[in-house]
């Protein structure tokens, strides 16, 4: 599909030639307009002090954006708190990790970048569970990030240090653009605030991240292009694939591996509990204490019974196959019945053999178990007589 004008709800990159949008401009001759849909305003020190959060009480920081990096160190400076050198930094992407060089001396031992999503960062954080994390973020009540942290059961403190405020976009006209690229739920909120009839506009929308896609679907707007995916990890690649008519595939799941393994484990336990009819799902089953000999014999007996049932099924199938074959050859009904009987007899010989084998194993288990039971009764009788003799001797 041909796209001429695209509105990107982000500030223009400092070096557009080195950015991933360069290919869209040069190869596909697309006009890009960069305009941020919201402003980030820092929370004042007096307002932050009311939360009674101390930065130095924590041993690790979680950064999900460059804004969180800027406002964390701004707050530390205004509070006059010295960040210790032992502090660890966990960043969602490598670009955020490299951005830390503006404030600290970059060391691999204390900076841990993720690949793309917040879920991948949580998998890295699991190796450092003893740390006390602080999460500098916006003043929103609950986000996808905090939900994942709560589910993963980390010791962390949510520290609101900035707020996102929608900008005035009325000077822009949606009719001038073929597509709008949105990157956050606040961008969706800004779009709806400035253009209440955005649903009615015939315009394509691209969404980056599951939270943005969720906000769009809640507003009744369908996202035509989604990112990040395996084929298109960035928004620029997703738009390019859409222009070229390629399928971008499903969005990358932000759920960490820990939570995925927990859900799969929960499913397996529920399925196993549902199969057991004797005991409820909540109470665990206790294995009955049986000798190895008897359990092996019982196993053999069960296997022989299964074989017998399978042989019966084969007998039915063979008769059905003979009937179909006879009908296809155009034989008379009498000849068809003869063939079916012959097939049944051939299969019956195998079933008899398997049934006799099953009966033999059942008999052997009974005969082998009988002497064991007799010996057990003998031993109990001997023990009883011994105790009686001891009692009589004591009385004398």
Protein backbone atom coordinates (compact mmCIF):
# COMPACT_ATOMS: atom_id res chain seq x y z
CA UNK A 1 0.00 0.00 0.00
CA UNK A 2 1.23 3.51 -0.87
CA UNK A 3 1.64 5.99 2.00
CA UNK A 4 2.63 9.58 1.34
CA UNK A 5 2.33 11.41 4.66
CA UNK A 6 2.84 9.86 8.11
CA UNK A 7 2.44 11.61 11.47
CA UNK A 8 4.76 10.24 14.17
CA UNK A 9 3.83 11.16 17.75
CA UNK A 10 7.46 11.49 18.87
CA UNK A 11 10.07 14.24 18.73
CA UNK A 12 12.33 14.24 15.68
CA UNK A 13 15.59 12.26 16.17
CA UNK A 14 18.73 14.34 16.62
CA UNK A 15 20.37 12.65 13.64
CA UNK A 16 17.66 11.60 11.18
CA UNK A 17 20.25 10.13 8.78
CA UNK A 18 21.27 7.51 11.36
CA UNK A 19 17.73 6.79 12.53
CA UNK A 20 15.64 3.79 11.30
CA UNK A 21 13.25 6.26 9.59
CA UNK A 22 15.90 7.09 6.95
CA UNK A 23 14.92 4.05 4.83
CA UNK A 24 11.26 5.16 4.75
CA UNK A 25 12.20 8.61 3.45
CA UNK A 26 14.79 7.54 0.85
CA UNK A 27 13.46 4.17 -0.39
CA UNK A 28 9.68 4.65 -0.15
CA UNK A 29 9.57 8.48 -0.62
CA UNK A 30 7.41 9.04 2.48
CA UNK A 31 6.97 12.46 4.13
CA UNK A 32 7.37 12.16 7.92
CA UNK A 33 6.05 14.73 10.39
CA UNK A 34 7.38 14.43 13.95
CA UNK A 35 5.33 15.99 16.73
CA UNK A 36 5.13 14.79 20.32
CA UNK A 37 1.54 14.38 21.50
CA UNK A 38 2.28 15.07 25.18
CA UNK A 39 4.64 16.92 27.51
CA UNK A 40 6.53 15.43 30.43
CA UNK A 41 6.46 17.60 33.55
CA UNK A 42 8.61 16.81 36.57
CA UNK A 43 7.02 16.43 40.01
CA UNK A 44 8.27 19.00 42.52
CA UNK A 45 10.52 18.03 45.45
CA UNK A 46 7.92 19.05 48.06
CA UNK A 47 5.35 16.79 46.34
CA UNK A 48 7.83 13.89 46.17
CA UNK A 49 8.75 14.26 49.86
CA UNK A 50 5.13 13.53 50.77
CA UNK A 51 5.60 9.99 49.45
CA UNK A 52 8.38 9.46 52.09
CA UNK A 53 10.53 7.57 49.60
CA UNK A 54 14.31 7.73 50.12
CA UNK A 55 16.42 6.94 47.06
CA UNK A 56 19.43 5.72 49.06
CA UNK A 57 17.29 3.08 50.85
CA UNK A 58 17.33 1.08 47.61
CA UNK A 59 20.09 -0.92 45.95
CA UNK A 60 18.82 -1.07 42.35
CA UNK A 61 16.87 1.14 39.90
CA UNK A 62 14.53 0.10 37.06
CA UNK A 63 14.48 2.40 34.01
CA UNK A 64 11.86 1.95 31.25
CA UNK A 65 12.52 5.27 29.42
CA UNK A 66 15.02 8.10 29.07
CA UNK A 67 12.55 10.37 30.88
CA UNK A 68 12.75 8.16 33.96
CA UNK A 69 16.58 8.42 33.85
CA UNK A 70 16.50 12.25 33.63
CA UNK A 71 13.96 12.70 36.43
CA UNK A 72 15.60 10.17 38.76
CA UNK A 73 18.93 12.01 38.74
CA UNK A 74 17.13 15.40 38.81
CA UNK A 75 15.29 14.33 41.94
CA UNK A 76 18.51 13.02 43.53
CA UNK A 77 20.19 16.37 42.87
CA UNK A 78 17.30 18.42 44.26
CA UNK A 79 16.99 16.18 47.34
CA UNK A 80 20.80 16.34 47.78
CA UNK A 81 21.02 12.58 48.00
CA UNK A 82 24.28 11.03 46.79
CA UNK A 83 23.66 7.89 44.73
CA UNK A 84 26.16 5.21 45.89
CA UNK A 85 28.54 3.62 43.39
CA UNK A 86 27.23 0.16 44.35
CA UNK A 87 23.79 1.03 42.88
CA UNK A 88 22.64 -1.34 40.10
CA UNK A 89 20.69 -0.16 37.04
CA UNK A 90 18.23 -2.32 35.07
CA UNK A 91 17.16 -0.86 31.69
CA UNK A 92 14.56 -2.18 29.23
CA UNK A 93 16.74 -1.45 26.17
CA UNK A 94 20.42 -0.97 25.41
CA UNK A 95 19.84 2.61 24.21
CA UNK A 96 18.52 3.56 27.70
CA UNK A 97 21.54 1.81 29.26
CA UNK A 98 23.93 3.83 27.05
CA UNK A 99 22.01 7.02 27.89
CA UNK A 100 23.07 6.49 31.53
CA UNK A 101 26.59 7.62 30.53
CA UNK A 102 25.32 11.20 30.85
CA UNK A 103 25.02 10.67 34.64
CA UNK A 104 27.22 7.75 35.74
CA UNK A 105 30.39 5.92 34.77
CA UNK A 106 29.16 3.04 32.59
CA UNK A 107 30.16 -0.37 33.92
CA UNK A 108 28.80 -3.70 32.77
CA UNK A 109 28.83 -5.07 36.31
CA UNK A 110 26.19 -2.63 37.50
CA UNK A 111 24.21 -1.86 34.29
CA UNK A 112 21.90 -4.63 33.04
CA UNK A 113 20.13 -3.90 29.72
CA UNK A 114 17.21 -5.92 28.33
CA UNK A 115 16.69 -6.79 24.66
CA UNK A 116 13.34 -5.22 23.79
CA UNK A 117 10.47 -5.75 26.24
CA UNK A 118 9.92 -5.22 29.96
CA UNK A 119 9.19 -8.95 30.36
CA UNK A 120 12.73 -9.80 29.17
CA UNK A 121 14.14 -7.35 31.72
CA UNK A 122 12.21 -9.10 34.52
CA UNK A 123 13.89 -12.39 33.53
CA UNK A 124 17.26 -10.68 34.06
CA UNK A 125 16.08 -9.22 37.40
CA UNK A 126 15.22 -12.70 38.75
CA UNK A 127 18.95 -13.35 39.24
CA UNK A 128 19.06 -10.33 41.60
CA UNK A 129 15.99 -10.97 43.78
CA UNK A 130 17.76 -9.85 46.96
CA UNK A 131 18.00 -6.26 45.67
CA UNK A 132 15.64 -3.51 46.84
CA UNK A 133 14.35 -2.00 43.60
CA UNK A 134 13.04 1.52 43.00
CA UNK A 135 10.97 2.20 39.89
CA UNK A 136 10.94 5.90 38.84
CA UNK A 137 7.83 6.36 36.68
CA UNK A 138 4.86 8.60 35.87
CA UNK A 139 2.06 9.31 38.35
CA UNK A 140 -0.36 6.88 36.65
CA UNK A 141 -2.06 4.51 39.13
CA UNK A 142 -1.21 1.16 37.55
CA UNK A 143 0.54 0.37 34.30
CA UNK A 144 1.50 -2.83 32.46
CA UNK A 145 4.97 -2.56 34.02
CA UNK A 146 3.74 -2.42 37.63
CA UNK A 147 1.36 -5.32 36.95
CA UNK A 148 4.25 -7.47 35.75
CA UNK A 149 6.39 -6.50 38.76
CA UNK A 150 3.54 -7.35 41.15
CA UNK A 151 2.95 -10.73 39.52
CA UNK A 152 6.69 -11.54 39.60
CA UNK A 153 6.69 -10.67 43.37
CA UNK A 154 9.70 -8.33 43.45
CA UNK A 155 10.56 -6.09 46.40
CA UNK A 156 10.17 -2.72 44.70
CA UNK A 157 8.98 0.82 45.38
CA UNK A 158 6.99 2.74 42.81
CA UNK A 159 8.38 6.28 42.80
CA UNK A 160 6.29 8.77 40.75
CA UNK A 161 8.71 11.51 39.58
CA UNK A 162 6.96 12.97 36.51
CA UNK A 163 3.57 13.25 34.84
CA UNK A 164 2.52 13.22 31.20
CA UNK A 165 0.23 16.05 30.06
CA UNK A 166 -1.51 16.03 26.61
CA UNK A 167 -0.43 18.83 24.24
CA UNK A 168 -2.60 21.04 22.06
CA UNK A 169 -2.80 19.40 18.59
CA UNK A 170 -5.56 21.50 17.07
CA UNK A 171 -3.17 23.12 14.60
CA UNK A 172 -2.76 19.66 13.00
CA UNK A 173 -5.31 18.24 10.55
CA UNK A 174 -5.79 14.46 10.45
CA UNK A 175 -6.95 14.65 6.81
CA UNK A 176 -3.42 15.66 5.77
CA UNK A 177 -2.00 12.29 6.88
CA UNK A 178 -2.42 8.72 5.71
CA UNK A 179 -1.19 7.18 8.98
CA UNK A 180 -0.60 8.11 12.65
CA UNK A 181 2.02 6.28 14.70
CA UNK A 182 1.27 6.08 18.46
CA UNK A 183 3.69 4.84 21.10
CA UNK A 184 1.93 5.10 24.48
CA UNK A 185 -1.54 5.21 26.09
CA UNK A 186 -1.05 8.93 26.89
CA UNK A 187 -0.58 9.51 23.13
CA UNK A 188 -3.94 7.82 22.49
CA UNK A 189 -5.53 9.98 25.22
CA UNK A 190 -4.06 13.14 23.67
CA UNK A 191 -5.39 12.16 20.22
CA UNK A 192 -8.93 11.61 21.54
CA UNK A 193 -8.82 14.81 23.63
CA UNK A 194 -7.82 16.97 20.65
CA UNK A 195 -9.82 15.05 18.02
CA UNK A 196 -13.02 13.62 19.58
CA UNK A 197 -14.19 12.42 16.13
CA UNK A 198 -10.97 10.49 15.46
CA UNK A 199 -12.95 7.21 15.22
CA UNK A 200 -14.89 8.54 12.23
CA UNK A 201 -11.76 9.69 10.37
CA UNK A 202 -10.61 7.42 7.54
CA UNK A 203 -7.00 7.15 8.70
CA UNK A 204 -4.64 4.25 9.42
CA UNK A 205 -3.24 3.88 12.95
CA UNK A 206 -0.01 2.16 14.00
CA UNK A 207 0.46 1.11 17.64
CA UNK A 208 3.70 0.32 19.44
CA UNK A 209 3.42 -1.95 22.48
CA UNK A 210 0.52 -3.92 23.98
CA UNK A 211 -0.51 -1.05 26.30
CA UNK A 212 -1.00 1.33 23.35
CA UNK A 213 -2.91 -1.31 21.40
CA UNK A 214 -5.13 -1.94 24.44
CA UNK A 215 -5.85 1.80 24.84
CA UNK A 216 -6.81 2.05 21.15
CA UNK A 217 -9.16 -0.94 21.30
CA UNK A 218 -10.79 0.53 24.44
CA UNK A 219 -11.38 3.75 22.47
CA UNK A 220 -12.92 1.75 19.60
CA UNK A 221 -10.04 2.33 17.15
CA UNK A 222 -8.44 -0.63 15.36
CA UNK A 223 -4.65 -0.64 14.95
CA UNK A 224 -3.72 -1.54 11.36
CA UNK A 225 0.02 -1.84 12.09
CA UNK A 226 1.37 -3.29 15.34
CA UNK A 227 4.89 -3.47 16.79
CA UNK A 228 7.14 -4.87 18.16
CA UNK A 229 6.98 -8.24 16.42
CA UNK A 230 9.66 -10.79 15.50
CA UNK A 231 9.66 -9.60 11.87
CA UNK A 232 9.51 -5.87 12.76
CA UNK A 233 11.00 -5.01 16.18
CA UNK A 234 10.76 -1.23 15.56
CA UNK A 235 7.94 1.05 14.38
CA UNK A 236 9.92 2.08 11.26
CA UNK A 237 10.32 -1.57 10.20
CA UNK A 238 6.62 -2.29 10.90
CA UNK A 239 5.52 0.60 8.66
CA UNK A 240 7.99 -0.45 5.94
CA UNK A 241 6.69 -4.05 6.00
CA UNK A 242 3.13 -2.70 5.73
CA UNK A 243 4.06 -0.61 2.66
CA UNK A 244 5.73 -3.65 1.06
CA UNK A 245 2.67 -5.79 1.82
CA UNK A 246 4.44 -8.12 4.24
CA UNK A 247 2.72 -9.69 7.24
CA UNK A 248 4.26 -8.35 10.47
CA UNK A 249 3.04 -11.31 12.58
CA UNK A 250 1.78 -11.30 16.18
CA UNK A 251 3.00 -8.83 18.79
CA UNK A 252 5.84 -9.96 21.07
CA UNK A 253 4.46 -11.19 24.39
CA UNK A 254 5.77 -9.05 27.25
CA UNK A 255 5.11 -11.77 29.82
CA UNK A 256 8.40 -12.95 31.39
CA UNK A 257 9.49 -16.60 31.27
CA UNK A 258 8.88 -17.00 35.03
CA UNK A 259 5.19 -16.19 34.68
CA UNK A 260 4.89 -18.34 31.52
CA UNK A 261 6.37 -21.35 33.34
CA UNK A 262 4.07 -20.74 36.33
CA UNK A 263 0.96 -20.69 34.12
CA UNK A 264 2.01 -23.86 32.28
CA UNK A 265 2.71 -25.54 35.63
CA UNK A 266 -0.70 -24.44 36.93
CA UNK A 267 -2.39 -25.85 33.82
CA UNK A 268 -0.65 -29.20 34.23
CA UNK A 269 -1.64 -29.46 37.90
CA UNK A 270 -5.28 -28.59 37.18
CA UNK A 271 -5.44 -31.16 34.37
CA UNK A 272 -3.95 -33.87 36.58
CA UNK A 273 -6.31 -33.03 39.43
CA UNK A 274 -9.34 -33.11 37.12
CA UNK A 275 -8.46 -36.61 35.91
CA UNK A 276 -8.38 -38.05 39.44
CA UNK A 277 -12.01 -38.75 40.49
CA UNK A 278 -11.40 -40.15 43.98
CA UNK A 279 -9.74 -37.12 45.56
CA UNK A 280 -10.50 -33.40 45.14
CA UNK A 281 -8.08 -31.02 43.35
CA UNK A 282 -7.07 -29.23 46.56
CA UNK A 283 -5.85 -32.29 48.51
CA UNK A 284 -2.72 -34.01 47.17
CA UNK A 285 -2.92 -37.76 46.54
CA UNK A 286 -0.77 -40.08 48.63
CA UNK A 287 0.82 -42.99 46.88
CA UNK A 288 -0.18 -46.36 48.37
CA UNK A 289 2.76 -48.29 49.79
CA UNK A 290 3.03 -51.44 47.70
CA UNK A 291 5.86 -53.88 47.18
CA UNK A 292 7.74 -53.73 43.90
CA UNK A 293 6.81 -57.34 43.02
CA UNK A 294 3.04 -56.90 43.23
CA UNK A 295 3.07 -53.57 41.36
CA UNK A 296 5.07 -55.10 38.49
CA UNK A 297 2.67 -58.05 38.26
CA UNK A 298 -0.33 -55.72 38.23
CA UNK A 299 1.31 -53.63 35.52
CA UNK A 300 1.78 -56.72 33.35
CA UNK A 301 -1.84 -57.72 33.88
CA UNK A 302 -3.07 -54.26 32.83
CA UNK A 303 -0.88 -54.30 29.74
CA UNK A 304 -2.29 -57.71 28.69
CA UNK A 305 -5.84 -56.42 29.16
CA UNK A 306 -5.06 -53.42 26.95
CA UNK A 307 -3.68 -55.72 24.28
CA UNK A 308 -6.86 -57.80 24.38
CA UNK A 309 -9.04 -54.72 23.90
CA UNK A 310 -6.84 -53.57 21.01
CA UNK A 311 -7.22 -56.98 19.38
CA UNK A 312 -11.01 -56.71 19.60
CA UNK A 313 -10.88 -53.32 17.92
CA UNK A 314 -8.68 -54.77 15.17
CA UNK A 315 -11.24 -57.53 14.64
CA UNK A 316 -14.03 -54.98 14.07
CA UNK A 317 -11.85 -52.90 11.73
CA UNK A 318 -10.81 -55.97 9.72
CA UNK A 319 -14.45 -57.00 9.22
CA UNK A 320 -15.39 -53.47 8.10
CA UNK A 321 -12.44 -53.35 5.71
CA UNK A 322 -13.43 -56.74 4.19
CA UNK A 323 -17.01 -55.53 3.71
CA UNK A 324 -15.93 -52.34 1.88
CA UNK A 325 -13.47 -54.26 -0.32
CA UNK A 326 -16.11 -56.86 -1.24
CA UNK A 327 -18.64 -54.15 -2.10
CA UNK A 328 -16.11 -52.32 -4.29
CA UNK A 329 -15.44 -55.57 -6.22
CA UNK A 330 -19.20 -55.94 -6.84
CA UNK A 331 -19.70 -59.25 -5.01
CA UNK A 332 -23.05 -60.65 -3.90
CA UNK A 333 -24.32 -60.09 -0.31
CA UNK A 334 -23.64 -63.74 0.59
CA UNK A 335 -20.00 -63.51 -0.51
CA UNK A 336 -19.64 -60.23 1.43
CA UNK A 337 -20.83 -61.89 4.66
CA UNK A 338 -18.46 -64.82 4.05
CA UNK A 339 -15.50 -62.50 3.72
CA UNK A 340 -16.50 -60.60 6.85
CA UNK A 341 -16.74 -63.83 8.87
CA UNK A 342 -13.33 -64.96 7.60
CA UNK A 343 -11.78 -61.64 8.65
CA UNK A 344 -13.45 -61.87 12.06
CA UNK A 345 -12.13 -65.39 12.62
CA UNK A 346 -8.60 -64.36 11.66
CA UNK A 347 -8.72 -61.46 14.13
CA UNK A 348 -10.41 -63.63 16.79
CA UNK A 349 -7.40 -65.95 17.00
CA UNK A 350 -5.19 -63.03 18.04
CA UNK A 351 -7.73 -61.84 20.63
CA UNK A 352 -7.95 -65.35 22.17
CA UNK A 353 -4.18 -65.52 22.45
CA UNK A 354 -3.98 -62.12 24.19
CA UNK A 355 -6.87 -62.94 26.53
CA UNK A 356 -5.27 -66.23 27.63
CA UNK A 357 -2.00 -64.40 28.25
CA UNK A 358 -3.85 -61.88 30.44
CA UNK A 359 -5.55 -64.68 32.41
CA UNK A 360 -2.23 -66.45 32.96
CA UNK A 361 -0.61 -63.29 34.36
CA UNK A 362 -3.60 -62.77 36.66
CA UNK A 363 -3.27 -66.36 37.97
CA UNK A 364 0.47 -66.04 38.51
CA UNK A 365 0.00 -62.83 40.54
CA UNK A 366 -2.54 -64.60 42.79
CA UNK A 367 -0.38 -67.72 43.26
CA UNK A 368 2.73 -65.66 44.00
CA UNK A 369 0.88 -63.41 46.44
CA UNK A 370 -0.58 -66.41 48.40
CA UNK A 371 2.71 -67.76 49.86
CA UNK A 372 3.66 -64.22 50.88
CA UNK A 373 0.41 -63.84 52.78
CA UNK A 374 0.94 -67.26 54.49
CA UNK A 375 4.45 -66.33 55.59
CA UNK A 376 3.12 -63.03 56.95
CA UNK A 377 0.50 -64.85 59.07
CA UNK A 378 3.14 -67.32 60.32
CA UNK A 379 5.44 -64.51 61.44
CA UNK A 380 2.63 -62.76 63.31
CA UNK A 381 1.71 -66.04 65.06
CA UNK A 382 5.34 -66.63 66.10
CA UNK A 383 5.58 -63.10 67.48
CA UNK A 384 2.40 -63.55 69.51
CA UNK A 385 3.66 -66.82 71.09
CA UNK A 386 6.98 -65.18 71.92
CA UNK A 387 5.25 -62.31 73.75
CA UNK A 388 3.09 -64.80 75.69
CA UNK A 389 6.12 -66.80 76.87
CA UNK A 390 7.86 -63.61 78.01
CA UNK A 391 4.79 -62.56 79.98
CA UNK A 392 4.53 -65.98 81.74
CA UNK A 393 8.23 -65.93 82.64
CA UNK A 394 7.85 -62.50 84.25
CA UNK A 395 4.89 -63.69 86.33
CA UNK A 396 6.90 -66.71 87.62
